[in-house]
Amino acid sequence: MKKYAIIKITGSQCKVSEGDEIEVDKIEGEKGSPLSFEEVLLLVDDKKIRVGQPLVKGVKVKAKIIDQTKGKKIRVATYKSKSRYRRVKGSRRPLTKIKIEKIISA
């Protein structure tokens, strides 16, 4: 069984293992700068499972920022009937692509 952890990043929970590349909501930092996440909710290492109450103590996840990007374009259209009012707005969510380097458990 592969070693993985569930961590809390920018208000959402992500399942990560060593070597994974994931996209999360924007995290401040330059490309190539290191990150460390201490909010680990669950750790699975072979047949040993550690569940946090609410966090697992002594566990860190080391990561590195790969890129700062934007997500897929979302278009929102509004209109009012019988009055010829139409508006289309769009937005692209800022994202950060990170690579999980190591899961450190005590």
PDB file of N, CA and C in Angstrom:
ATOM      1  N   MET A   1       0.843  -1.177   0.000  1.00  0.00           N
ATOM      2  CA  MET A   1       0.000   0.000   0.000  1.00  0.00           C
ATOM      3  C   MET A   1       0.890   1.242   0.000  1.00  0.00           C
ATOM      4  N   LYS A   2       0.515   2.228  -0.769  1.00  0.00           N
ATOM      5  CA  LYS A   2       1.281   3.448  -0.913  1.00  0.00           C
ATOM      6  C   LYS A   2       1.048   4.394   0.274  1.00  0.00           C
ATOM      7  N   LYS A   3       2.084   5.109   0.649  1.00  0.00           N
ATOM      8  CA  LYS A   3       1.983   6.079   1.739  1.00  0.00           C
ATOM      9  C   LYS A   3       1.291   7.341   1.221  1.00  0.00           C
ATOM     10  N   TYR A   4       0.210   7.756   1.910  1.00  0.00           N
ATOM     11  CA  TYR A   4      -0.471   8.984   1.525  1.00  0.00           C
ATOM     12  C   TYR A   4      -1.020   9.689   2.754  1.00  0.00           C
ATOM     13  N   ALA A   5      -1.394  10.956   2.549  1.00  0.00           N
ATOM     14  CA  ALA A   5      -1.930  11.771   3.640  1.00  0.00           C
ATOM     15  C   ALA A   5      -3.055  12.634   3.096  1.00  0.00           C
ATOM     16  N   ILE A   6      -3.967  12.997   3.985  1.00  0.00           N
ATOM     17  CA  ILE A   6      -4.997  13.970   3.644  1.00  0.00           C
ATOM     18  C   ILE A   6      -4.659  15.230   4.413  1.00  0.00           C
ATOM     19  N   ILE A   7      -4.427  16.320   3.662  1.00  0.00           N
ATOM     20  CA  ILE A   7      -4.000  17.570   4.288  1.00  0.00           C
ATOM     21  C   ILE A   7      -4.985  18.679   3.956  1.00  0.00           C
ATOM     22  N   LYS A   8      -4.927  19.723   4.753  1.00  0.00           N
ATOM     23  CA  LYS A   8      -5.789  20.873   4.555  1.00  0.00           C
ATOM     24  C   LYS A   8      -4.962  21.981   3.912  1.00  0.00           C
ATOM     25  N   ILE A   9      -5.364  22.389   2.706  1.00  0.00           N
ATOM     26  CA  ILE A   9      -4.679  23.444   1.969  1.00  0.00           C
ATOM     27  C   ILE A   9      -5.699  24.499   1.568  1.00  0.00           C
ATOM     28  N   THR A  10      -5.472  25.735   1.955  1.00  0.00           N
ATOM     29  CA  THR A  10      -6.321  26.886   1.613  1.00  0.00           C
ATOM     30  C   THR A  10      -7.810  26.589   1.788  1.00  0.00           C
ATOM     31  N   GLY A  11      -8.170  25.952   2.890  1.00  0.00           N
ATOM     32  CA  GLY A  11      -9.569  25.713   3.211  1.00  0.00           C
ATOM     33  C   GLY A  11     -10.178  24.465   2.603  1.00  0.00           C
ATOM     34  N   SER A  12      -9.427  23.706   1.813  1.00  0.00           N
ATOM     35  CA  SER A  12      -9.961  22.475   1.244  1.00  0.00           C
ATOM     36  C   SER A  12      -9.044  21.306   1.593  1.00  0.00           C
ATOM     37  N   GLN A  13      -9.582  20.103   1.506  1.00  0.00           N
ATOM     38  CA  GLN A  13      -8.822  18.906   1.849  1.00  0.00           C
ATOM     39  C   GLN A  13      -8.349  18.211   0.577  1.00  0.00           C
ATOM     40  N   CYS A  14      -7.086  17.765   0.585  1.00  0.00           N
ATOM     41  CA  CYS A  14      -6.502  17.103  -0.577  1.00  0.00           C
ATOM     42  C   CYS A  14      -5.819  15.814  -0.151  1.00  0.00           C
ATOM     43  N   LYS A  15      -5.979  14.767  -0.952  1.00  0.00           N
ATOM     44  CA  LYS A  15      -5.265  13.517  -0.726  1.00  0.00           C
ATOM     45  C   LYS A  15      -3.976  13.579  -1.533  1.00  0.00           C
ATOM     46  N   VAL A  16      -2.839  13.453  -0.834  1.00  0.00           N
ATOM     47  CA  VAL A  16      -1.544  13.589  -1.500  1.00  0.00           C
ATOM     48  C   VAL A  16      -0.634  12.430  -1.130  1.00  0.00           C
ATOM     49  N   SER A  17       0.268  12.115  -2.036  1.00  0.00           N
ATOM     50  CA  SER A  17       1.335  11.165  -1.765  1.00  0.00           C
ATOM     51  C   SER A  17       2.608  11.728  -2.391  1.00  0.00           C
ATOM     52  N   GLU A  18       3.752  11.157  -2.040  1.00  0.00           N
ATOM     53  CA  GLU A  18       5.023  11.680  -2.517  1.00  0.00           C
ATOM     54  C   GLU A  18       5.102  11.609  -4.041  1.00  0.00           C
ATOM     55  N   GLY A  19       5.523  12.713  -4.658  1.00  0.00           N
ATOM     56  CA  GLY A  19       5.648  12.778  -6.101  1.00  0.00           C
ATOM     57  C   GLY A  19       4.429  13.318  -6.823  1.00  0.00           C
ATOM     58  N   ASP A  20       3.316  13.531  -6.125  1.00  0.00           N
ATOM     59  CA  ASP A  20       2.100  14.044  -6.758  1.00  0.00           C
ATOM     60  C   ASP A  20       2.259  15.509  -7.146  1.00  0.00           C
ATOM     61  N   GLU A  21       1.602  15.889  -8.235  1.00  0.00           N
ATOM     62  CA  GLU A  21       1.497  17.290  -8.634  1.00  0.00           C
ATOM     63  C   GLU A  21       0.015  17.641  -8.618  1.00  0.00           C
ATOM     64  N   ILE A  22      -0.360  18.633  -7.796  1.00  0.00           N
ATOM     65  CA  ILE A  22      -1.767  19.000  -7.659  1.00  0.00           C
ATOM     66  C   ILE A  22      -1.929  20.502  -7.867  1.00  0.00           C
ATOM     67  N   GLU A  23      -3.145  20.902  -8.270  1.00  0.00           N
ATOM     68  CA  GLU A  23      -3.488  22.308  -8.400  1.00  0.00           C
ATOM     69  C   GLU A  23      -4.423  22.682  -7.264  1.00  0.00           C
ATOM     70  N   VAL A  24      -4.076  23.746  -6.537  1.00  0.00           N
ATOM     71  CA  VAL A  24      -4.877  24.225  -5.422  1.00  0.00           C
ATOM     72  C   VAL A  24      -5.134  25.709  -5.623  1.00  0.00           C
ATOM     73  N   ASP A  25      -6.024  26.280  -4.796  1.00  0.00           N
ATOM     74  CA  ASP A  25      -6.253  27.715  -4.848  1.00  0.00           C
ATOM     75  C   ASP A  25      -4.943  28.448  -4.603  1.00  0.00           C
ATOM     76  N   LYS A  26      -4.876  29.676  -5.033  1.00  0.00           N
ATOM     77  CA  LYS A  26      -3.618  30.431  -5.030  1.00  0.00           C
ATOM     78  C   LYS A  26      -2.968  30.487  -3.650  1.00  0.00           C
ATOM     79  N   ILE A  27      -1.669  30.160  -3.638  1.00  0.00           N
ATOM     80  CA  ILE A  27      -0.819  30.280  -2.455  1.00  0.00           C
ATOM     81  C   ILE A  27       0.269  31.278  -2.818  1.00  0.00           C
ATOM     82  N   GLU A  28       0.487  32.270  -1.956  1.00  0.00           N
ATOM     83  CA  GLU A  28       1.507  33.275  -2.225  1.00  0.00           C
ATOM     84  C   GLU A  28       2.886  32.630  -2.232  1.00  0.00           C
ATOM     85  N   GLY A  29       3.715  33.016  -3.191  1.00  0.00           N
ATOM     86  CA  GLY A  29       5.068  32.503  -3.268  1.00  0.00           C
ATOM     87  C   GLY A  29       5.577  32.499  -4.694  1.00  0.00           C
ATOM     88  N   GLU A  30       6.886  32.464  -4.815  1.00  0.00           N
ATOM     89  CA  GLU A  30       7.543  32.438  -6.116  1.00  0.00           C
ATOM     90  C   GLU A  30       7.629  31.004  -6.644  1.00  0.00           C
ATOM     91  N   LYS A  31       7.866  30.888  -7.936  1.00  0.00           N
ATOM     92  CA  LYS A  31       8.061  29.593  -8.557  1.00  0.00           C
ATOM     93  C   LYS A  31       9.348  28.967  -8.008  1.00  0.00           C
ATOM     94  N   GLY A  32       9.247  27.740  -7.507  1.00  0.00           N
ATOM     95  CA  GLY A  32      10.404  27.041  -6.954  1.00  0.00           C
ATOM     96  C   GLY A  32      10.586  27.204  -5.454  1.00  0.00           C
ATOM     97  N   SER A  33       9.746  28.016  -4.805  1.00  0.00           N
ATOM     98  CA  SER A  33       9.907  28.203  -3.358  1.00  0.00           C
ATOM     99  C   SER A  33       9.297  27.030  -2.586  1.00  0.00           C
ATOM    100  N   PRO A  34       9.900  26.665  -1.447  1.00  0.00           N
ATOM    101  CA  PRO A  34       9.410  25.514  -0.685  1.00  0.00           C
ATOM    102  C   PRO A  34       8.186  25.865   0.168  1.00  0.00           C
ATOM    103  N   LEU A  35       7.359  24.853   0.419  1.00  0.00           N
ATOM    104  CA  LEU A  35       6.176  24.982   1.281  1.00  0.00           C
ATOM    105  C   LEU A  35       6.197  23.864   2.305  1.00  0.00           C
ATOM    106  N   SER A  36       5.536  24.104   3.429  1.00  0.00           N
ATOM    107  CA  SER A  36       5.399  23.076   4.454  1.00  0.00           C
ATOM    108  C   SER A  36       3.975  23.130   4.996  1.00  0.00           C
ATOM    109  N   PHE A  37       3.308  21.992   5.036  1.00  0.00           N
ATOM    110  CA  PHE A  37       1.937  21.902   5.535  1.00  0.00           C
ATOM    111  C   PHE A  37       1.926  21.067   6.806  1.00  0.00           C
ATOM    112  N   GLU A  38       1.447  21.659   7.923  1.00  0.00           N
ATOM    113  CA  GLU A  38       1.375  20.930   9.182  1.00  0.00           C
ATOM    114  C   GLU A  38      -0.034  20.464   9.516  1.00  0.00           C
ATOM    115  N   GLU A  39      -1.039  20.913   8.755  1.00  0.00           N
ATOM    116  CA  GLU A  39      -2.419  20.523   9.017  1.00  0.00           C
ATOM    117  C   GLU A  39      -2.720  19.198   8.318  1.00  0.00           C
ATOM    118  N   VAL A  40      -2.261  18.102   8.919  1.00  0.00           N
ATOM    119  CA  VAL A  40      -2.468  16.759   8.369  1.00  0.00           C
ATOM    120  C   VAL A  40      -3.628  16.121   9.127  1.00  0.00           C
ATOM    121  N   LEU A  41      -4.656  15.693   8.394  1.00  0.00           N
ATOM    122  CA  LEU A  41      -5.856  15.134   9.002  1.00  0.00           C
ATOM    123  C   LEU A  41      -5.813  13.615   9.102  1.00  0.00           C
ATOM    124  N   LEU A  42      -5.083  12.958   8.174  1.00  0.00           N
ATOM    125  CA  LEU A  42      -5.003  11.508   8.151  1.00  0.00           C
ATOM    126  C   LEU A  42      -3.688  11.098   7.508  1.00  0.00           C
ATOM    127  N   LEU A  43      -3.076  10.045   8.048  1.00  0.00           N
ATOM    128  CA  LEU A  43      -1.835   9.527   7.479  1.00  0.00           C
ATOM    129  C   LEU A  43      -1.946   8.017   7.369  1.00  0.00           C
ATOM    130  N   VAL A  44      -1.705   7.495   6.165  1.00  0.00           N
ATOM    131  CA  VAL A  44      -1.715   6.055   5.926  1.00  0.00           C
ATOM    132  C   VAL A  44      -0.320   5.662   5.458  1.00  0.00           C
ATOM    133  N   ASP A  45       0.317   4.758   6.234  1.00  0.00           N
ATOM    134  CA  ASP A  45       1.666   4.299   5.918  1.00  0.00           C
ATOM    135  C   ASP A  45       1.658   2.779   5.995  1.00  0.00           C
ATOM    136  N   ASP A  46       1.669   2.106   4.850  1.00  0.00           N
ATOM    137  CA  ASP A  46       1.503   0.660   4.743  1.00  0.00           C
ATOM    138  C   ASP A  46       0.204   0.238   5.421  1.00  0.00           C
ATOM    139  N   LYS A  47       0.281  -0.522   6.517  1.00  0.00           N
ATOM    140  CA  LYS A  47      -0.951  -0.958   7.183  1.00  0.00           C
ATOM    141  C   LYS A  47      -1.248  -0.146   8.430  1.00  0.00           C
ATOM    142  N   LYS A  48      -0.446   0.876   8.689  1.00  0.00           N
ATOM    143  CA  LYS A  48      -0.631   1.725   9.862  1.00  0.00           C
ATOM    144  C   LYS A  48      -1.408   2.978   9.457  1.00  0.00           C
ATOM    145  N   ILE A  49      -2.553   3.206  10.114  1.00  0.00           N
ATOM    146  CA  ILE A  49      -3.404   4.349   9.814  1.00  0.00           C
ATOM    147  C   ILE A  49      -3.470   5.233  11.056  1.00  0.00           C
ATOM    148  N   ARG A  50      -3.145   6.516  10.866  1.00  0.00           N
ATOM    149  CA  ARG A  50      -3.222   7.482  11.969  1.00  0.00           C
ATOM    150  C   ARG A  50      -4.254   8.541  11.618  1.00  0.00           C
ATOM    151  N   VAL A  51      -5.293   8.634  12.453  1.00  0.00           N
ATOM    152  CA  VAL A  51      -6.366   9.596  12.235  1.00  0.00           C
ATOM    153  C   VAL A  51      -6.214  10.713  13.247  1.00  0.00           C
ATOM    154  N   GLY A  52      -6.272  11.960  12.783  1.00  0.00           N
ATOM    155  CA  GLY A  52      -6.122  13.108  13.666  1.00  0.00           C
ATOM    156  C   GLY A  52      -7.409  13.452  14.369  1.00  0.00           C
ATOM    157  N   GLN A  53      -7.245  14.103  15.532  1.00  0.00           N
ATOM    158  CA  GLN A  53      -8.411  14.535  16.304  1.00  0.00           C
ATOM    159  C   GLN A  53      -8.224  15.971  16.752  1.00  0.00           C
ATOM    160  N   PRO A  54      -8.281  16.988  15.954  1.00  0.00           N
ATOM    161  CA  PRO A  54      -8.552  16.989  14.519  1.00  0.00           C
ATOM    162  C   PRO A  54      -7.302  16.823  13.654  1.00  0.00           C
ATOM    163  N   LEU A  55      -6.081  17.037  14.212  1.00  0.00           N
ATOM    164  CA  LEU A  55      -4.863  16.938  13.414  1.00  0.00           C
ATOM    165  C   LEU A  55      -3.965  15.818  13.921  1.00  0.00           C
ATOM    166  N   VAL A  56      -3.165  15.249  13.033  1.00  0.00           N
ATOM    167  CA  VAL A  56      -2.177  14.238  13.408  1.00  0.00           C
ATOM    168  C   VAL A  56      -0.935  14.987  13.874  1.00  0.00           C
ATOM    169  N   LYS A  57      -0.464  14.661  15.075  1.00  0.00           N
ATOM    170  CA  LYS A  57       0.689  15.357  15.642  1.00  0.00           C
ATOM    171  C   LYS A  57       1.994  14.790  15.093  1.00  0.00           C
ATOM    172  N   GLY A  58       2.962  15.682  14.867  1.00  0.00           N
ATOM    173  CA  GLY A  58       4.292  15.261  14.441  1.00  0.00           C
ATOM    174  C   GLY A  58       4.433  14.891  12.981  1.00  0.00           C
ATOM    175  N   VAL A  59       3.495  15.302  12.143  1.00  0.00           N
ATOM    176  CA  VAL A  59       3.557  14.965  10.724  1.00  0.00           C
ATOM    177  C   VAL A  59       3.576  16.263   9.915  1.00  0.00           C
ATOM    178  N   LYS A  60       4.481  16.321   8.934  1.00  0.00           N
ATOM    179  CA  LYS A  60       4.585  17.467   8.041  1.00  0.00           C
ATOM    180  C   LYS A  60       4.617  16.970   6.602  1.00  0.00           C
ATOM    181  N   VAL A  61       4.170  17.814   5.711  1.00  0.00           N
ATOM    182  CA  VAL A  61       4.249  17.519   4.289  1.00  0.00           C
ATOM    183  C   VAL A  61       5.050  18.642   3.637  1.00  0.00           C
ATOM    184  N   LYS A  62       6.153  18.276   3.001  1.00  0.00           N
ATOM    185  CA  LYS A  62       7.010  19.244   2.311  1.00  0.00           C
ATOM    186  C   LYS A  62       6.622  19.269   0.836  1.00  0.00           C
ATOM    187  N   ALA A  63       6.528  20.486   0.281  1.00  0.00           N
ATOM    188  CA  ALA A  63       6.139  20.646  -1.112  1.00  0.00           C
ATOM    189  C   ALA A  63       6.931  21.792  -1.735  1.00  0.00           C
ATOM    190  N   LYS A  64       6.796  21.926  -3.056  1.00  0.00           N
ATOM    191  CA  LYS A  64       7.475  22.990  -3.777  1.00  0.00           C
ATOM    192  C   LYS A  64       6.514  23.546  -4.819  1.00  0.00           C
ATOM    193  N   ILE A  65       6.523  24.881  -4.988  1.00  0.00           N
ATOM    194  CA  ILE A  65       5.666  25.522  -5.986  1.00  0.00           C
ATOM    195  C   ILE A  65       6.278  25.308  -7.371  1.00  0.00           C
ATOM    196  N   ILE A  66       5.470  24.756  -8.283  1.00  0.00           N
ATOM    197  CA  ILE A  66       5.919  24.533  -9.649  1.00  0.00           C
ATOM    198  C   ILE A  66       5.541  25.722 -10.528  1.00  0.00           C
ATOM    199  N   ASP A  67       4.293  26.208 -10.379  1.00  0.00           N
ATOM    200  CA  ASP A  67       3.826  27.261 -11.270  1.00  0.00           C
ATOM    201  C   ASP A  67       2.629  27.981 -10.673  1.00  0.00           C
ATOM    202  N   GLN A  68       2.459  29.247 -11.047  1.00  0.00           N
ATOM    203  CA  GLN A  68       1.274  30.037 -10.718  1.00  0.00           C
ATOM    204  C   GLN A  68       0.485  30.188 -12.013  1.00  0.00           C
ATOM    205  N   THR A  69      -0.736  29.657 -12.057  1.00  0.00           N
ATOM    206  CA  THR A  69      -1.521  29.663 -13.295  1.00  0.00           C
ATOM    207  C   THR A  69      -2.924  30.175 -13.038  1.00  0.00           C
ATOM    208  N   LYS A  70      -3.724  30.169 -14.100  1.00  0.00           N
ATOM    209  CA  LYS A  70      -5.145  30.493 -13.996  1.00  0.00           C
ATOM    210  C   LYS A  70      -5.943  29.266 -14.423  1.00  0.00           C
ATOM    211  N   GLY A  71      -7.118  29.107 -13.846  1.00  0.00           N
ATOM    212  CA  GLY A  71      -7.963  27.963 -14.158  1.00  0.00           C
ATOM    213  C   GLY A  71      -8.756  28.176 -15.434  1.00  0.00           C
ATOM    214  N   LYS A  72      -9.678  27.277 -15.676  1.00  0.00           N
ATOM    215  CA  LYS A  72     -10.530  27.330 -16.848  1.00  0.00           C
ATOM    216  C   LYS A  72     -11.496  28.513 -16.739  1.00  0.00           C
ATOM    217  N   LYS A  73     -11.803  29.122 -17.868  1.00  0.00           N
ATOM    218  CA  LYS A  73     -12.691  30.282 -17.887  1.00  0.00           C
ATOM    219  C   LYS A  73     -14.124  29.859 -17.574  1.00  0.00           C
ATOM    220  N   ILE A  74     -14.751  30.616 -16.675  1.00  0.00           N
ATOM    221  CA  ILE A  74     -16.149  30.385 -16.317  1.00  0.00           C
ATOM    222  C   ILE A  74     -16.945  31.589 -16.791  1.00  0.00           C
ATOM    223  N   ARG A  75     -17.993  31.347 -17.570  1.00  0.00           N
ATOM    224  CA  ARG A  75     -18.829  32.430 -18.080  1.00  0.00           C
ATOM    225  C   ARG A  75     -20.164  32.415 -17.370  1.00  0.00           C
ATOM    226  N   VAL A  76     -20.621  33.609 -16.975  1.00  0.00           N
ATOM    227  CA  VAL A  76     -21.898  33.760 -16.300  1.00  0.00           C
ATOM    228  C   VAL A  76     -22.727  34.763 -17.084  1.00  0.00           C
ATOM    229  N   ALA A  77     -23.897  34.359 -17.523  1.00  0.00           N
ATOM    230  CA  ALA A  77     -24.776  35.233 -18.291  1.00  0.00           C
ATOM    231  C   ALA A  77     -26.006  35.572 -17.447  1.00  0.00           C
ATOM    232  N   THR A  78     -26.370  36.853 -17.437  1.00  0.00           N
ATOM    233  CA  THR A  78     -27.588  37.278 -16.744  1.00  0.00           C
ATOM    234  C   THR A  78     -28.468  38.029 -17.748  1.00  0.00           C
ATOM    235  N   TYR A  79     -29.764  37.956 -17.549  1.00  0.00           N
ATOM    236  CA  TYR A  79     -30.677  38.706 -18.399  1.00  0.00           C
ATOM    237  C   TYR A  79     -31.971  38.966 -17.652  1.00  0.00           C
ATOM    238  N   LYS A  80     -32.686  39.966 -18.125  1.00  0.00           N
ATOM    239  CA  LYS A  80     -34.024  40.243 -17.619  1.00  0.00           C
ATOM    240  C   LYS A  80     -34.970  40.161 -18.809  1.00  0.00           C
ATOM    241  N   SER A  81     -36.016  39.389 -18.630  1.00  0.00           N
ATOM    242  CA  SER A  81     -36.928  39.175 -19.745  1.00  0.00           C
ATOM    243  C   SER A  81     -37.727  40.450 -20.048  1.00  0.00           C
ATOM    244  N   LYS A  82     -38.066  40.609 -21.289  1.00  0.00           N
ATOM    245  CA  LYS A  82     -38.914  41.685 -21.799  1.00  0.00           C
ATOM    246  C   LYS A  82     -38.304  43.075 -21.682  1.00  0.00           C
ATOM    247  N   SER A  83     -37.011  43.179 -21.333  1.00  0.00           N
ATOM    248  CA  SER A  83     -36.422  44.519 -21.222  1.00  0.00           C
ATOM    249  C   SER A  83     -35.115  44.659 -21.990  1.00  0.00           C
ATOM    250  N   ARG A  84     -34.745  43.648 -22.742  1.00  0.00           N
ATOM    251  CA  ARG A  84     -33.535  43.636 -23.560  1.00  0.00           C
ATOM    252  C   ARG A  84     -32.259  43.875 -22.740  1.00  0.00           C
ATOM    253  N   TYR A  85     -32.226  43.376 -21.524  1.00  0.00           N
ATOM    254  CA  TYR A  85     -31.039  43.514 -20.670  1.00  0.00           C
ATOM    255  C   TYR A  85     -30.283  42.189 -20.646  1.00  0.00           C
ATOM    256  N   ARG A  86     -29.049  42.207 -21.134  1.00  0.00           N
ATOM    257  CA  ARG A  86     -28.215  41.009 -21.140  1.00  0.00           C
ATOM    258  C   ARG A  86     -26.784  41.395 -20.791  1.00  0.00           C
ATOM    259  N   ARG A  87     -26.145  40.604 -19.917  1.00  0.00           N
ATOM    260  CA  ARG A  87     -24.744  40.807 -19.545  1.00  0.00           C
ATOM    261  C   ARG A  87     -24.053  39.455 -19.459  1.00  0.00           C
ATOM    262  N   VAL A  88     -22.819  39.406 -19.944  1.00  0.00           N
ATOM    263  CA  VAL A  88     -22.016  38.192 -19.835  1.00  0.00           C
ATOM    264  C   VAL A  88     -20.723  38.577 -19.123  1.00  0.00           C
ATOM    265  N   LYS A  89     -20.438  37.884 -18.033  1.00  0.00           N
ATOM    266  CA  LYS A  89     -19.200  38.114 -17.294  1.00  0.00           C
ATOM    267  C   LYS A  89     -18.399  36.823 -17.281  1.00  0.00           C
ATOM    268  N   GLY A  90     -17.092  36.955 -17.179  1.00  0.00           N
ATOM    269  CA  GLY A  90     -16.239  35.779 -17.125  1.00  0.00           C
ATOM    270  C   GLY A  90     -15.192  35.933 -16.042  1.00  0.00           C
ATOM    271  N   SER A  91     -14.690  34.826 -15.558  1.00  0.00           N
ATOM    272  CA  SER A  91     -13.627  34.862 -14.557  1.00  0.00           C
ATOM    273  C   SER A  91     -12.765  33.619 -14.688  1.00  0.00           C
ATOM    274  N   ARG A  92     -11.512  33.766 -14.285  1.00  0.00           N
ATOM    275  CA  ARG A  92     -10.573  32.642 -14.253  1.00  0.00           C
ATOM    276  C   ARG A  92      -9.957  32.606 -12.876  1.00  0.00           C
ATOM    277  N   ARG A  93     -10.107  31.483 -12.197  1.00  0.00           N
ATOM    278  CA  ARG A  93      -9.605  31.333 -10.835  1.00  0.00           C
ATOM    279  C   ARG A  93      -8.089  31.241 -10.817  1.00  0.00           C
ATOM    280  N   PRO A  94      -7.417  32.015  -9.955  1.00  0.00           N
ATOM    281  CA  PRO A  94      -5.964  31.860  -9.843  1.00  0.00           C
ATOM    282  C   PRO A  94      -5.615  30.569  -9.101  1.00  0.00           C
ATOM    283  N   LEU A  95      -4.701  29.784  -9.675  1.00  0.00           N
ATOM    284  CA  LEU A  95      -4.327  28.495  -9.107  1.00  0.00           C
ATOM    285  C   LEU A  95      -2.819  28.422  -8.907  1.00  0.00           C
ATOM    286  N   THR A  96      -2.404  27.541  -8.018  1.00  0.00           N
ATOM    287  CA  THR A  96      -0.995  27.255  -7.798  1.00  0.00           C
ATOM    288  C   THR A  96      -0.788  25.764  -8.001  1.00  0.00           C
ATOM    289  N   LYS A  97       0.176  25.421  -8.843  1.00  0.00           N
ATOM    290  CA  LYS A  97       0.504  24.010  -9.059  1.00  0.00           C
ATOM    291  C   LYS A  97       1.681  23.679  -8.157  1.00  0.00           C
ATOM    292  N   ILE A  98       1.498  22.672  -7.281  1.00  0.00           N
ATOM    293  CA  ILE A  98       2.555  22.298  -6.349  1.00  0.00           C
ATOM    294  C   ILE A  98       2.919  20.827  -6.524  1.00  0.00           C
ATOM    295  N   LYS A  99       4.166  20.496  -6.154  1.00  0.00           N
ATOM    296  CA  LYS A  99       4.632  19.114  -6.196  1.00  0.00           C
ATOM    297  C   LYS A  99       4.944  18.682  -4.769  1.00  0.00           C
ATOM    298  N   ILE A 100       4.370  17.562  -4.340  1.00  0.00           N
ATOM    299  CA  ILE A 100       4.614  17.016  -3.014  1.00  0.00           C
ATOM    300  C   ILE A 100       5.943  16.286  -3.041  1.00  0.00           C
ATOM    301  N   GLU A 101       6.894  16.737  -2.218  1.00  0.00           N
ATOM    302  CA  GLU A 101       8.210  16.136  -2.218  1.00  0.00           C
ATOM    303  C   GLU A 101       8.356  15.034  -1.162  1.00  0.00           C
ATOM    304  N   LYS A 102       7.875  15.295   0.054  1.00  0.00           N
ATOM    305  CA  LYS A 102       8.117  14.327   1.124  1.00  0.00           C
ATOM    306  C   LYS A 102       7.031  14.430   2.185  1.00  0.00           C
ATOM    307  N   ILE A 103       6.644  13.265   2.727  1.00  0.00           N
ATOM    308  CA  ILE A 103       5.742  13.207   3.883  1.00  0.00           C
ATOM    309  C   ILE A 103       6.603  12.759   5.053  1.00  0.00           C
ATOM    310  N   ILE A 104       6.767  13.651   6.036  1.00  0.00           N
ATOM    311  CA  ILE A 104       7.622  13.382   7.192  1.00  0.00           C
ATOM    312  C   ILE A 104       6.756  13.036   8.393  1.00  0.00           C
ATOM    313  N   SER A 105       6.936  11.826   8.928  1.00  0.00           N
ATOM    314  CA  SER A 105       6.167  11.417  10.103  1.00  0.00           C
ATOM    315  C   SER A 105       7.133  11.090  11.236  1.00  0.00           C
ATOM    316  N   ALA A 106       6.707  11.450  12.460  1.00  0.00           N
ATOM    317  CA  ALA A 106       7.575  11.214  13.622  1.00  0.00           C
ATOM    318  C   ALA A 106       7.276   9.864  14.246  1.00  0.00           C
TER     319      ALA A 106
END
